[in-house]
Amino acid sequence: MPAKASPPEPSIEEALERIESLVRDMEEGRLPLEEIINRFEEGAALVKSCQQKLAQAEERIKIILKNSEGPQGLADFDAPEE
């Protein structure tokens, strides 16, 4: 039997919405301890995923900026006007 494909990772926006939902649920204080631990674990995994995506985005931006440097590149964009 083939292995189940894991669901696609949520976008950063979706992950943040889910994290906010998890926090609200835990703050209400109506969940049993085991459920709180499960939600905390899910939230921690979502935070890690967001951190990885943000690091990848930062690297892409660095590459874009590096490739755009030059006489007409973004490096000169902020030069003061005279």
PDB file of N, CA and C in Angstrom:
ATOM      1  N   MET A   1       0.844  -1.168   0.000  1.00  0.00           N
ATOM      2  CA  MET A   1       0.000   0.000   0.000  1.00  0.00           C
ATOM      3  C   MET A   1       0.896   1.240   0.000  1.00  0.00           C
ATOM      4  N   PRO A   2       0.639   2.228  -0.883  1.00  0.00           N
ATOM      5  CA  PRO A   2       1.487   3.413  -0.933  1.00  0.00           C
ATOM      6  C   PRO A   2       1.315   4.264   0.317  1.00  0.00           C
ATOM      7  N   ALA A   3       2.405   4.934   0.680  1.00  0.00           N
ATOM      8  CA  ALA A   3       2.375   5.807   1.855  1.00  0.00           C
ATOM      9  C   ALA A   3       1.502   7.019   1.564  1.00  0.00           C
ATOM     10  N   LYS A   4       0.842   7.510   2.601  1.00  0.00           N
ATOM     11  CA  LYS A   4       0.016   8.701   2.447  1.00  0.00           C
ATOM     12  C   LYS A   4       0.903   9.909   2.190  1.00  0.00           C
ATOM     13  N   ALA A   5       0.483  10.729   1.246  1.00  0.00           N
ATOM     14  CA  ALA A   5       1.209  11.974   1.004  1.00  0.00           C
ATOM     15  C   ALA A   5       0.859  12.948   2.116  1.00  0.00           C
ATOM     16  N   SER A   6       1.869  13.621   2.638  1.00  0.00           N
ATOM     17  CA  SER A   6       1.600  14.584   3.695  1.00  0.00           C
ATOM     18  C   SER A   6       0.935  15.811   3.083  1.00  0.00           C
ATOM     19  N   PRO A   7       0.057  16.444   3.830  1.00  0.00           N
ATOM     20  CA  PRO A   7      -0.621  17.628   3.300  1.00  0.00           C
ATOM     21  C   PRO A   7       0.386  18.734   3.045  1.00  0.00           C
ATOM     22  N   PRO A   8       0.118  19.600   2.073  1.00  0.00           N
ATOM     23  CA  PRO A   8       1.063  20.686   1.801  1.00  0.00           C
ATOM     24  C   PRO A   8       1.186  21.613   2.999  1.00  0.00           C
ATOM     25  N   GLU A   9       2.370  22.174   3.154  1.00  0.00           N
ATOM     26  CA  GLU A   9       2.580  23.106   4.266  1.00  0.00           C
ATOM     27  C   GLU A   9       1.754  24.357   4.035  1.00  0.00           C
ATOM     28  N   PRO A  10       1.192  24.901   5.089  1.00  0.00           N
ATOM     29  CA  PRO A  10       0.406  26.129   4.927  1.00  0.00           C
ATOM     30  C   PRO A  10       1.310  27.315   4.597  1.00  0.00           C
ATOM     31  N   SER A  11       0.734  28.318   3.978  1.00  0.00           N
ATOM     32  CA  SER A  11       1.475  29.557   3.736  1.00  0.00           C
ATOM     33  C   SER A  11       1.763  30.208   5.087  1.00  0.00           C
ATOM     34  N   ILE A  12       2.624  31.200   5.076  1.00  0.00           N
ATOM     35  CA  ILE A  12       2.931  31.905   6.324  1.00  0.00           C
ATOM     36  C   ILE A  12       1.658  32.538   6.895  1.00  0.00           C
ATOM     37  N   GLU A  13       0.854  33.108   6.025  1.00  0.00           N
ATOM     38  CA  GLU A  13      -0.375  33.750   6.490  1.00  0.00           C
ATOM     39  C   GLU A  13      -1.330  32.728   7.120  1.00  0.00           C
ATOM     40  N   GLU A  14      -1.469  31.574   6.480  1.00  0.00           N
ATOM     41  CA  GLU A  14      -2.324  30.522   7.028  1.00  0.00           C
ATOM     42  C   GLU A  14      -1.775  30.000   8.353  1.00  0.00           C
ATOM     43  N   ALA A  15      -0.459  29.843   8.414  1.00  0.00           N
ATOM     44  CA  ALA A  15       0.168  29.350   9.643  1.00  0.00           C
ATOM     45  C   ALA A  15      -0.041  30.336  10.788  1.00  0.00           C
ATOM     46  N   LEU A  16       0.120  31.625  10.509  1.00  0.00           N
ATOM     47  CA  LEU A  16      -0.074  32.632  11.561  1.00  0.00           C
ATOM     48  C   LEU A  16      -1.520  32.651  12.055  1.00  0.00           C
ATOM     49  N   GLU A  17      -2.469  32.502  11.138  1.00  0.00           N
ATOM     50  CA  GLU A  17      -3.877  32.440  11.546  1.00  0.00           C
ATOM     51  C   GLU A  17      -4.120  31.230  12.449  1.00  0.00           C
ATOM     52  N   ARG A  18      -3.525  30.087  12.081  1.00  0.00           N
ATOM     53  CA  ARG A  18      -3.694  28.877  12.886  1.00  0.00           C
ATOM     54  C   ARG A  18      -3.046  29.043  14.258  1.00  0.00           C
ATOM     55  N   ILE A  19      -1.865  29.651  14.296  1.00  0.00           N
ATOM     56  CA  ILE A  19      -1.184  29.888  15.576  1.00  0.00           C
ATOM     57  C   ILE A  19      -2.057  30.773  16.469  1.00  0.00           C
ATOM     58  N   GLU A  20      -2.627  31.830  15.897  1.00  0.00           N
ATOM     59  CA  GLU A  20      -3.499  32.711  16.673  1.00  0.00           C
ATOM     60  C   GLU A  20      -4.701  31.943  17.218  1.00  0.00           C
ATOM     61  N   SER A  21      -5.256  31.059  16.400  1.00  0.00           N
ATOM     62  CA  SER A  21      -6.387  30.245  16.830  1.00  0.00           C
ATOM     63  C   SER A  21      -5.988  29.309  17.973  1.00  0.00           C
ATOM     64  N   LEU A  22      -4.819  28.695  17.859  1.00  0.00           N
ATOM     65  CA  LEU A  22      -4.336  27.799  18.902  1.00  0.00           C
ATOM     66  C   LEU A  22      -4.143  28.550  20.214  1.00  0.00           C
ATOM     67  N   VAL A  23      -3.566  29.733  20.129  1.00  0.00           N
ATOM     68  CA  VAL A  23      -3.322  30.534  21.333  1.00  0.00           C
ATOM     69  C   VAL A  23      -4.649  30.915  21.994  1.00  0.00           C
ATOM     70  N   ARG A  24      -5.616  31.353  21.174  1.00  0.00           N
ATOM     71  CA  ARG A  24      -6.938  31.706  21.738  1.00  0.00           C
ATOM     72  C   ARG A  24      -7.548  30.516  22.463  1.00  0.00           C
ATOM     73  N   ASP A  25      -7.478  29.346  21.820  1.00  0.00           N
ATOM     74  CA  ASP A  25      -8.044  28.136  22.436  1.00  0.00           C
ATOM     75  C   ASP A  25      -7.367  27.822  23.765  1.00  0.00           C
ATOM     76  N   MET A  26      -6.055  27.952  23.806  1.00  0.00           N
ATOM     77  CA  MET A  26      -5.329  27.625  25.033  1.00  0.00           C
ATOM     78  C   MET A  26      -5.574  28.664  26.118  1.00  0.00           C
ATOM     79  N   GLU A  27      -5.727  29.932  25.724  1.00  0.00           N
ATOM     80  CA  GLU A  27      -5.945  30.984  26.713  1.00  0.00           C
ATOM     81  C   GLU A  27      -7.314  30.891  27.381  1.00  0.00           C
ATOM     82  N   GLU A  28      -8.273  30.267  26.707  1.00  0.00           N
ATOM     83  CA  GLU A  28      -9.606  30.134  27.298  1.00  0.00           C
ATOM     84  C   GLU A  28      -9.584  29.276  28.561  1.00  0.00           C
ATOM     85  N   GLY A  29      -8.618  28.382  28.672  1.00  0.00           N
ATOM     86  CA  GLY A  29      -8.475  27.572  29.874  1.00  0.00           C
ATOM     87  C   GLY A  29      -9.491  26.456  30.014  1.00  0.00           C
ATOM     88  N   ARG A  30     -10.124  26.066  28.936  1.00  0.00           N
ATOM     89  CA  ARG A  30     -11.155  25.027  29.014  1.00  0.00           C
ATOM     90  C   ARG A  30     -10.690  23.686  28.456  1.00  0.00           C
ATOM     91  N   LEU A  31      -9.473  23.630  27.983  1.00  0.00           N
ATOM     92  CA  LEU A  31      -8.959  22.398  27.378  1.00  0.00           C
ATOM     93  C   LEU A  31      -8.254  21.536  28.413  1.00  0.00           C
ATOM     94  N   PRO A  32      -8.352  20.213  28.250  1.00  0.00           N
ATOM     95  CA  PRO A  32      -7.574  19.338  29.138  1.00  0.00           C
ATOM     96  C   PRO A  32      -6.078  19.482  28.817  1.00  0.00           C
ATOM     97  N   LEU A  33      -5.268  19.157  29.785  1.00  0.00           N
ATOM     98  CA  LEU A  33      -3.821  19.319  29.661  1.00  0.00           C
ATOM     99  C   LEU A  33      -3.270  18.650  28.407  1.00  0.00           C
ATOM    100  N   GLU A  34      -3.699  17.446  28.123  1.00  0.00           N
ATOM    101  CA  GLU A  34      -3.179  16.723  26.957  1.00  0.00           C
ATOM    102  C   GLU A  34      -3.481  17.480  25.663  1.00  0.00           C
ATOM    103  N   GLU A  35      -4.645  18.070  25.572  1.00  0.00           N
ATOM    104  CA  GLU A  35      -5.017  18.840  24.377  1.00  0.00           C
ATOM    105  C   GLU A  35      -4.191  20.118  24.278  1.00  0.00           C
ATOM    106  N   ILE A  36      -3.925  20.739  25.408  1.00  0.00           N
ATOM    107  CA  ILE A  36      -3.075  21.939  25.415  1.00  0.00           C
ATOM    108  C   ILE A  36      -1.678  21.582  24.910  1.00  0.00           C
ATOM    109  N   ILE A  37      -1.157  20.470  25.368  1.00  0.00           N
ATOM    110  CA  ILE A  37       0.176  20.037  24.929  1.00  0.00           C
ATOM    111  C   ILE A  37       0.177  19.763  23.430  1.00  0.00           C
ATOM    112  N   ASN A  38      -0.868  19.103  22.934  1.00  0.00           N
ATOM    113  CA  ASN A  38      -0.955  18.825  21.493  1.00  0.00           C
ATOM    114  C   ASN A  38      -1.014  20.108  20.675  1.00  0.00           C
ATOM    115  N   ARG A  39      -1.771  21.074  21.143  1.00  0.00           N
ATOM    116  CA  ARG A  39      -1.874  22.342  20.420  1.00  0.00           C
ATOM    117  C   ARG A  39      -0.575  23.136  20.508  1.00  0.00           C
ATOM    118  N   PHE A  40       0.068  23.073  21.648  1.00  0.00           N
ATOM    119  CA  PHE A  40       1.368  23.742  21.783  1.00  0.00           C
ATOM    120  C   PHE A  40       2.371  23.133  20.801  1.00  0.00           C
ATOM    121  N   GLU A  41       2.362  21.818  20.701  1.00  0.00           N
ATOM    122  CA  GLU A  41       3.264  21.127  19.780  1.00  0.00           C
ATOM    123  C   GLU A  41       2.972  21.527  18.334  1.00  0.00           C
ATOM    124  N   GLU A  42       1.699  21.597  17.964  1.00  0.00           N
ATOM    125  CA  GLU A  42       1.331  22.025  16.617  1.00  0.00           C
ATOM    126  C   GLU A  42       1.795  23.454  16.362  1.00  0.00           C
ATOM    127  N   GLY A  43       1.588  24.327  17.339  1.00  0.00           N
ATOM    128  CA  GLY A  43       2.011  25.718  17.202  1.00  0.00           C
ATOM    129  C   GLY A  43       3.520  25.845  17.047  1.00  0.00           C
ATOM    130  N   ALA A  44       4.261  25.063  17.814  1.00  0.00           N
ATOM    131  CA  ALA A  44       5.725  25.109  17.721  1.00  0.00           C
ATOM    132  C   ALA A  44       6.188  24.675  16.332  1.00  0.00           C
ATOM    133  N   ALA A  45       5.542  23.668  15.770  1.00  0.00           N
ATOM    134  CA  ALA A  45       5.897  23.214  14.419  1.00  0.00           C
ATOM    135  C   ALA A  45       5.565  24.292  13.386  1.00  0.00           C
ATOM    136  N   LEU A  46       4.448  24.975  13.574  1.00  0.00           N
ATOM    137  CA  LEU A  46       4.079  26.050  12.654  1.00  0.00           C
ATOM    138  C   LEU A  46       5.059  27.221  12.741  1.00  0.00           C
ATOM    139  N   VAL A  47       5.481  27.554  13.954  1.00  0.00           N
ATOM    140  CA  VAL A  47       6.461  28.634  14.136  1.00  0.00           C
ATOM    141  C   VAL A  47       7.768  28.269  13.429  1.00  0.00           C
ATOM    142  N   LYS A  48       8.210  27.042  13.587  1.00  0.00           N
ATOM    143  CA  LYS A  48       9.451  26.597  12.939  1.00  0.00           C
ATOM    144  C   LYS A  48       9.324  26.694  11.421  1.00  0.00           C
ATOM    145  N   SER A  49       8.187  26.285  10.895  1.00  0.00           N
ATOM    146  CA  SER A  49       7.944  26.367   9.457  1.00  0.00           C
ATOM    147  C   SER A  49       7.994  27.820   8.978  1.00  0.00           C
ATOM    148  N   CYS A  50       7.377  28.724   9.734  1.00  0.00           N
ATOM    149  CA  CYS A  50       7.393  30.143   9.375  1.00  0.00           C
ATOM    150  C   CYS A  50       8.812  30.703   9.404  1.00  0.00           C
ATOM    151  N   GLN A  51       9.576  30.314  10.412  1.00  0.00           N
ATOM    152  CA  GLN A  51      10.958  30.796  10.512  1.00  0.00           C
ATOM    153  C   GLN A  51      11.780  30.338   9.306  1.00  0.00           C
ATOM    154  N   GLN A  52      11.577  29.100   8.885  1.00  0.00           N
ATOM    155  CA  GLN A  52      12.303  28.580   7.731  1.00  0.00           C
ATOM    156  C   GLN A  52      11.907  29.327   6.458  1.00  0.00           C
ATOM    157  N   LYS A  53      10.615  29.573   6.282  1.00  0.00           N
ATOM    158  CA  LYS A  53      10.152  30.291   5.092  1.00  0.00           C
ATOM    159  C   LYS A  53      10.663  31.721   5.076  1.00  0.00           C
ATOM    160  N   LEU A  54      10.697  32.363   6.241  1.00  0.00           N
ATOM    161  CA  LEU A  54      11.216  33.727   6.314  1.00  0.00           C
ATOM    162  C   LEU A  54      12.711  33.760   6.012  1.00  0.00           C
ATOM    163  N   ALA A  55      13.457  32.769   6.476  1.00  0.00           N
ATOM    164  CA  ALA A  55      14.892  32.702   6.188  1.00  0.00           C
ATOM    165  C   ALA A  55      15.110  32.515   4.688  1.00  0.00           C
ATOM    166  N   GLN A  56      14.287  31.672   4.050  1.00  0.00           N
ATOM    167  CA  GLN A  56      14.402  31.471   2.603  1.00  0.00           C
ATOM    168  C   GLN A  56      14.076  32.760   1.854  1.00  0.00           C
ATOM    169  N   ALA A  57      13.063  33.469   2.301  1.00  0.00           N
ATOM    170  CA  ALA A  57      12.690  34.733   1.663  1.00  0.00           C
ATOM    171  C   ALA A  57      13.811  35.755   1.805  1.00  0.00           C
ATOM    172  N   GLU A  58      14.430  35.795   2.988  1.00  0.00           N
ATOM    173  CA  GLU A  58      15.539  36.723   3.216  1.00  0.00           C
ATOM    174  C   GLU A  58      16.705  36.414   2.275  1.00  0.00           C
ATOM    175  N   GLU A  59      17.011  35.135   2.086  1.00  0.00           N
ATOM    176  CA  GLU A  59      18.089  34.758   1.177  1.00  0.00           C
ATOM    177  C   GLU A  59      17.766  35.156  -0.261  1.00  0.00           C
ATOM    178  N   ARG A  60      16.522  34.945  -0.671  1.00  0.00           N
ATOM    179  CA  ARG A  60      16.111  35.351  -2.020  1.00  0.00           C
ATOM    180  C   ARG A  60      16.270  36.849  -2.211  1.00  0.00           C
ATOM    181  N   ILE A  61      15.874  37.629  -1.196  1.00  0.00           N
ATOM    182  CA  ILE A  61      15.992  39.082  -1.285  1.00  0.00           C
ATOM    183  C   ILE A  61      17.454  39.491  -1.383  1.00  0.00           C
ATOM    184  N   LYS A  62      18.323  38.842  -0.611  1.00  0.00           N
ATOM    185  CA  LYS A  62      19.761  39.148  -0.681  1.00  0.00           C
ATOM    186  C   LYS A  62      20.293  38.883  -2.082  1.00  0.00           C
ATOM    187  N   ILE A  63      19.879  37.777  -2.685  1.00  0.00           N
ATOM    188  CA  ILE A  63      20.328  37.434  -4.040  1.00  0.00           C
ATOM    189  C   ILE A  63      19.813  38.459  -5.040  1.00  0.00           C
ATOM    190  N   ILE A  64      18.551  38.831  -4.913  1.00  0.00           N
ATOM    191  CA  ILE A  64      17.973  39.824  -5.826  1.00  0.00           C
ATOM    192  C   ILE A  64      18.719  41.139  -5.713  1.00  0.00           C
ATOM    193  N   LEU A  65      18.975  41.586  -4.476  1.00  0.00           N
ATOM    194  CA  LEU A  65      19.697  42.847  -4.282  1.00  0.00           C
ATOM    195  C   LEU A  65      21.120  42.768  -4.823  1.00  0.00           C
ATOM    196  N   LYS A  66      21.789  41.644  -4.584  1.00  0.00           N
ATOM    197  CA  LYS A  66      23.150  41.476  -5.073  1.00  0.00           C
ATOM    198  C   LYS A  66      23.181  41.527  -6.597  1.00  0.00           C
ATOM    199  N   ASN A  67      22.218  40.871  -7.238  1.00  0.00           N
ATOM    200  CA  ASN A  67      22.173  40.834  -8.705  1.00  0.00           C
ATOM    201  C   ASN A  67      21.742  42.154  -9.310  1.00  0.00           C
ATOM    202  N   SER A  68      21.147  43.024  -8.521  1.00  0.00           N
ATOM    203  CA  SER A  68      20.664  44.291  -9.065  1.00  0.00           C
ATOM    204  C   SER A  68      21.621  45.451  -8.808  1.00  0.00           C
ATOM    205  N   GLU A  69      22.737  45.199  -8.141  1.00  0.00           N
ATOM    206  CA  GLU A  69      23.701  46.265  -7.868  1.00  0.00           C
ATOM    207  C   GLU A  69      24.369  46.697  -9.160  1.00  0.00           C
ATOM    208  N   GLY A  70      24.773  47.936  -9.179  1.00  0.00           N
ATOM    209  CA  GLY A  70      25.460  48.451 -10.345  1.00  0.00           C
ATOM    210  C   GLY A  70      25.045  49.881 -10.603  1.00  0.00           C
ATOM    211  N   PRO A  71      25.496  50.443 -11.745  1.00  0.00           N
ATOM    212  CA  PRO A  71      25.209  51.849 -12.034  1.00  0.00           C
ATOM    213  C   PRO A  71      23.709  52.160 -12.058  1.00  0.00           C
ATOM    214  N   GLN A  72      22.901  51.230 -12.501  1.00  0.00           N
ATOM    215  CA  GLN A  72      21.464  51.464 -12.566  1.00  0.00           C
ATOM    216  C   GLN A  72      20.699  50.611 -11.562  1.00  0.00           C
ATOM    217  N   GLY A  73      21.401  49.907 -10.673  1.00  0.00           N
ATOM    218  CA  GLY A  73      20.763  48.955  -9.764  1.00  0.00           C
ATOM    219  C   GLY A  73      20.160  49.601  -8.539  1.00  0.00           C
ATOM    220  N   LEU A  74      19.630  48.779  -7.682  1.00  0.00           N
ATOM    221  CA  LEU A  74      18.975  49.251  -6.472  1.00  0.00           C
ATOM    222  C   LEU A  74      19.953  49.854  -5.477  1.00  0.00           C
ATOM    223  N   ALA A  75      21.231  49.534  -5.587  1.00  0.00           N
ATOM    224  CA  ALA A  75      22.213  50.068  -4.640  1.00  0.00           C
ATOM    225  C   ALA A  75      22.258  51.594  -4.728  1.00  0.00           C
ATOM    226  N   ASP A  76      21.951  52.152  -5.910  1.00  0.00           N
ATOM    227  CA  ASP A  76      21.988  53.590  -6.094  1.00  0.00           C
ATOM    228  C   ASP A  76      20.633  54.237  -5.877  1.00  0.00           C
ATOM    229  N   PHE A  77      19.631  53.447  -5.617  1.00  0.00           N
ATOM    230  CA  PHE A  77      18.265  53.943  -5.508  1.00  0.00           C
ATOM    231  C   PHE A  77      18.107  54.957  -4.379  1.00  0.00           C
ATOM    232  N   ASP A  78      18.760  54.735  -3.252  1.00  0.00           N
ATOM    233  CA  ASP A  78      18.600  55.595  -2.099  1.00  0.00           C
ATOM    234  C   ASP A  78      19.595  56.766  -2.063  1.00  0.00           C
ATOM    235  N   ALA A  79      20.295  56.987  -3.145  1.00  0.00           N
ATOM    236  CA  ALA A  79      21.264  58.081  -3.172  1.00  0.00           C
ATOM    237  C   ALA A  79      20.525  59.405  -2.966  1.00  0.00           C
ATOM    238  N   PRO A  80      21.065  60.286  -2.143  1.00  0.00           N
ATOM    239  CA  PRO A  80      20.386  61.572  -1.889  1.00  0.00           C
ATOM    240  C   PRO A  80      20.331  62.415  -3.157  1.00  0.00           C
ATOM    241  N   GLU A  81      19.213  63.112  -3.322  1.00  0.00           N
ATOM    242  CA  GLU A  81      19.054  64.001  -4.481  1.00  0.00           C
ATOM    243  C   GLU A  81      19.741  65.305  -4.172  1.00  0.00           C
ATOM    244  N   GLU A  82      20.325  65.887  -5.205  1.00  0.00           N
ATOM    245  CA  GLU A  82      21.010  67.190  -5.013  1.00  0.00           C
ATOM    246  C   GLU A  82      20.268  68.274  -5.700  1.00  0.00           C
TER     247      GLU A  82
END
